[in-house]
C-alpha atoms as a PDB file:
ATOM      1  CA  MET A   1       9.143  -7.159  13.515  1.00  0.00           C
ATOM      2  CA  THR A   2       7.074 -10.292  13.738  1.00  0.00           C
ATOM      3  CA  THR A   3       5.083 -11.759  10.882  1.00  0.00           C
ATOM      4  CA  GLU A   4       1.912 -10.861  12.767  1.00  0.00           C
ATOM      5  CA  GLN A   5       2.967  -7.208  13.040  1.00  0.00           C
ATOM      6  CA  ARG A   6       3.744  -7.022   9.326  1.00  0.00           C
ATOM      7  CA  VAL A   7       0.410  -8.564   8.393  1.00  0.00           C
ATOM      8  CA  ALA A   8      -1.432  -6.237  10.791  1.00  0.00           C
ATOM      9  CA  LEU A   9       0.156  -3.189   9.133  1.00  0.00           C
ATOM     10  CA  VAL A  10      -0.765  -4.348   5.639  1.00  0.00           C
ATOM     11  CA  GLN A  11      -4.289  -5.286   6.692  1.00  0.00           C
ATOM     12  CA  GLY A  12      -4.731  -1.987   8.532  1.00  0.00           C
ATOM     13  CA  GLN A  13      -3.684   0.085   5.539  1.00  0.00           C
ATOM     14  CA  LEU A  14      -6.029  -1.951   3.311  1.00  0.00           C
ATOM     15  CA  GLU A  15      -8.960  -1.224   5.627  1.00  0.00           C
ATOM     16  CA  ALA A  16      -8.070   2.491   5.781  1.00  0.00           C
ATOM     17  CA  TYR A  17      -7.752   2.538   1.962  1.00  0.00           C
ATOM     18  CA  ASN A  18     -11.240   1.090   1.597  1.00  0.00           C
ATOM     19  CA  ALA A  19     -12.575   3.629   4.105  1.00  0.00           C
ATOM     20  CA  ARG A  20     -10.760   6.355   2.106  1.00  0.00           C
ATOM     21  CA  ASP A  21      -9.357   7.639   5.409  1.00  0.00           C
ATOM     22  CA  ILE A  22      -6.154   9.389   4.355  1.00  0.00           C
ATOM     23  CA  GLU A  23      -4.918  10.091   7.900  1.00  0.00           C
ATOM     24  CA  LYS A  24      -5.328   6.526   9.070  1.00  0.00           C
ATOM     25  CA  PHE A  25      -3.980   5.171   5.770  1.00  0.00           C
ATOM     26  CA  CYS A  26      -0.807   7.244   6.031  1.00  0.00           C
ATOM     27  CA  SER A  27      -0.293   6.219   9.661  1.00  0.00           C
ATOM     28  CA  PHE A  28       0.772   2.745   8.508  1.00  0.00           C
ATOM     29  CA  TYR A  29       3.583   4.142   6.341  1.00  0.00           C
ATOM     30  CA  HIS A  30       7.094   5.368   7.096  1.00  0.00           C
ATOM     31  CA  ALA A  31       7.816   9.086   6.525  1.00  0.00           C
ATOM     32  CA  ASP A  32      10.285   8.030   3.832  1.00  0.00           C
ATOM     33  CA  VAL A  33       7.818   5.762   2.025  1.00  0.00           C
ATOM     34  CA  THR A  34       8.864   4.894  -1.505  1.00  0.00           C
ATOM     35  CA  ALA A  35       6.733   3.275  -4.226  1.00  0.00           C
ATOM     36  CA  TYR A  36       8.067   1.456  -7.275  1.00  0.00           C
ATOM     37  CA  ARG A  37       6.761  -0.406 -10.275  1.00  0.00           C
ATOM     38  CA  LEU A  38       8.445  -3.793 -10.178  1.00  0.00           C
ATOM     39  CA  GLY A  39      11.294  -3.903 -12.661  1.00  0.00           C
ATOM     40  CA  GLN A  40      11.956  -0.177 -12.567  1.00  0.00           C
ATOM     41  CA  ASP A  41      14.875   1.169 -10.540  1.00  0.00           C
ATOM     42  CA  VAL A  42      13.471   4.675 -10.184  1.00  0.00           C
ATOM     43  CA  PRO A  43      10.546   5.098  -7.764  1.00  0.00           C
ATOM     44  CA  PHE A  44       7.408   6.842  -8.968  1.00  0.00           C
ATOM     45  CA  MET A  45       6.596   8.195  -5.508  1.00  0.00           C
ATOM     46  CA  VAL A  46       9.012   9.251  -2.762  1.00  0.00           C
ATOM     47  CA  GLY A  47       8.199  10.555   0.702  1.00  0.00           C
ATOM     48  CA  MET A  48       5.077  11.075   2.740  1.00  0.00           C
ATOM     49  CA  GLU A  49       4.158  14.414   1.178  1.00  0.00           C
ATOM     50  CA  ALA A  50       3.890  12.916  -2.320  1.00  0.00           C
ATOM     51  CA  PHE A  51       2.243   9.770  -0.941  1.00  0.00           C
ATOM     52  CA  ARG A  52      -0.387  11.704   1.011  1.00  0.00           C
ATOM     53  CA  LYS A  53      -1.129  13.984  -1.947  1.00  0.00           C
ATOM     54  CA  SER A  54      -1.509  11.149  -4.446  1.00  0.00           C
ATOM     55  CA  TYR A  55      -3.715   8.950  -2.294  1.00  0.00           C
ATOM     56  CA  GLY A  56      -5.631  11.892  -0.833  1.00  0.00           C
ATOM     57  CA  GLU A  57      -6.670  12.948  -4.335  1.00  0.00           C
ATOM     58  CA  LYS A  58      -7.566   9.372  -5.247  1.00  0.00           C
ATOM     59  CA  PHE A  59      -9.709   8.991  -2.111  1.00  0.00           C
ATOM     60  CA  LYS A  60     -11.431  12.341  -2.682  1.00  0.00           C
ATOM     61  CA  ASN A  61     -12.103  11.848  -6.392  1.00  0.00           C
ATOM     62  CA  THR A  62     -13.148   8.176  -6.373  1.00  0.00           C
ATOM     63  CA  PRO A  63     -16.057   7.629  -3.978  1.00  0.00           C
ATOM     64  CA  ASP A  64     -16.555   4.016  -5.105  1.00  0.00           C
ATOM     65  CA  LEU A  65     -12.871   3.107  -4.703  1.00  0.00           C
ATOM     66  CA  HIS A  66     -12.462  -0.356  -3.196  1.00  0.00           C
ATOM     67  CA  CYS A  67      -9.660  -2.890  -3.025  1.00  0.00           C
ATOM     68  CA  THR A  68     -10.442  -6.577  -2.554  1.00  0.00           C
ATOM     69  CA  LEU A  69      -7.725  -8.873  -1.258  1.00  0.00           C
ATOM     70  CA  LYS A  70      -7.499 -11.982  -3.457  1.00  0.00           C
ATOM     71  CA  SER A  71      -4.537 -13.649  -1.731  1.00  0.00           C
ATOM     72  CA  ARG A  72      -1.715 -12.859   0.674  1.00  0.00           C
ATOM     73  CA  ILE A  73       1.752 -14.390   0.985  1.00  0.00           C
ATOM     74  CA  VAL A  74       4.261 -13.669   3.737  1.00  0.00           C
ATOM     75  CA  LEU A  75       7.802 -14.514   2.670  1.00  0.00           C
ATOM     76  CA  ASN A  76      11.260 -13.474   3.898  1.00  0.00           C
ATOM     77  CA  GLY A  77      10.001 -10.459   5.842  1.00  0.00           C
ATOM     78  CA  LYS A  78       7.825  -9.164   3.008  1.00  0.00           C
ATOM     79  CA  VAL A  79       4.066  -9.280   2.524  1.00  0.00           C
ATOM     80  CA  LEU A  80       2.692  -9.803  -0.982  1.00  0.00           C
ATOM     81  CA  ASP A  81      -0.963  -8.996  -1.624  1.00  0.00           C
ATOM     82  CA  GLU A  82      -2.829  -9.873  -4.793  1.00  0.00           C
ATOM     83  CA  GLU A  83      -5.612  -7.309  -5.114  1.00  0.00           C
ATOM     84  CA  SER A  84      -8.495  -6.333  -7.325  1.00  0.00           C
ATOM     85  CA  VAL A  85      -9.301  -2.615  -7.393  1.00  0.00           C
ATOM     86  CA  VAL A  86     -12.570  -1.037  -8.534  1.00  0.00           C
ATOM     87  CA  PRO A  87     -13.744   1.003 -10.311  1.00  0.00           C
ATOM     88  CA  SER A  88     -10.561   0.740 -12.428  1.00  0.00           C
ATOM     89  CA  GLY A  89     -10.724  -3.047 -12.680  1.00  0.00           C
ATOM     90  CA  SER A  90      -6.998  -3.250 -11.909  1.00  0.00           C
ATOM     91  CA  HIS A  91      -5.454  -6.574 -10.985  1.00  0.00           C
ATOM     92  CA  VAL A  92      -2.432  -5.713  -8.834  1.00  0.00           C
ATOM     93  CA  VAL A  93       0.215  -7.380  -6.733  1.00  0.00           C
ATOM     94  CA  ALA A  94       1.645  -5.138  -4.020  1.00  0.00           C
ATOM     95  CA  ILE A  95       4.857  -6.167  -2.281  1.00  0.00           C
ATOM     96  CA  TYR A  96       5.391  -4.468   1.078  1.00  0.00           C
ATOM     97  CA  ASP A  97       8.692  -4.064   2.932  1.00  0.00           C
ATOM     98  CA  PHE A  98       9.136  -2.592   6.397  1.00  0.00           C
ATOM     99  CA  LYS A  99      11.346  -0.311   8.469  1.00  0.00           C
ATOM    100  CA  ASP A 100      11.014   1.038  12.004  1.00  0.00           C
ATOM    101  CA  GLY A 101       7.702  -0.774  12.539  1.00  0.00           C
ATOM    102  CA  LEU A 102       6.002   0.761   9.473  1.00  0.00           C
ATOM    103  CA  ILE A 103       5.609   0.064   5.767  1.00  0.00           C
ATOM    104  CA  LYS A 104       8.614   1.644   4.049  1.00  0.00           C
ATOM    105  CA  ASP A 105       8.716   0.402   0.448  1.00  0.00           C
ATOM    106  CA  ILE A 106       6.051  -0.874  -1.918  1.00  0.00           C
ATOM    107  CA  TRP A 107       6.544  -2.506  -5.295  1.00  0.00           C
ATOM    108  CA  PHE A 108       3.532  -2.728  -7.557  1.00  0.00           C
ATOM    109  CA  VAL A 109       3.022  -5.257 -10.328  1.00  0.00           C
ATOM    110  CA  TYR A 110       0.134  -4.626 -12.739  1.00  0.00           C
END
């Protein structure tokens, strides 16, 4: 994958997240998507079914949900986004890794 393709995937999922469009959002992710909290070896979310359920509920139950990109770094095949999420007020760094042309793994720092 090229850097441009990686960035396009991350940007596309961010836009779908802000639109709360679960189908489009999930289309950027690998069927075996796995989410971690940085520093923990055990993922907190594994597979598309769990991913879709978690984010689908978040999109449905939080009509004012919005993520603002603060900065983006592309390094060694990964994309790192610093984000601010409302209404929770979360300050998050998301680290995205890729497989088969989709986002496969995400590590969150918050």
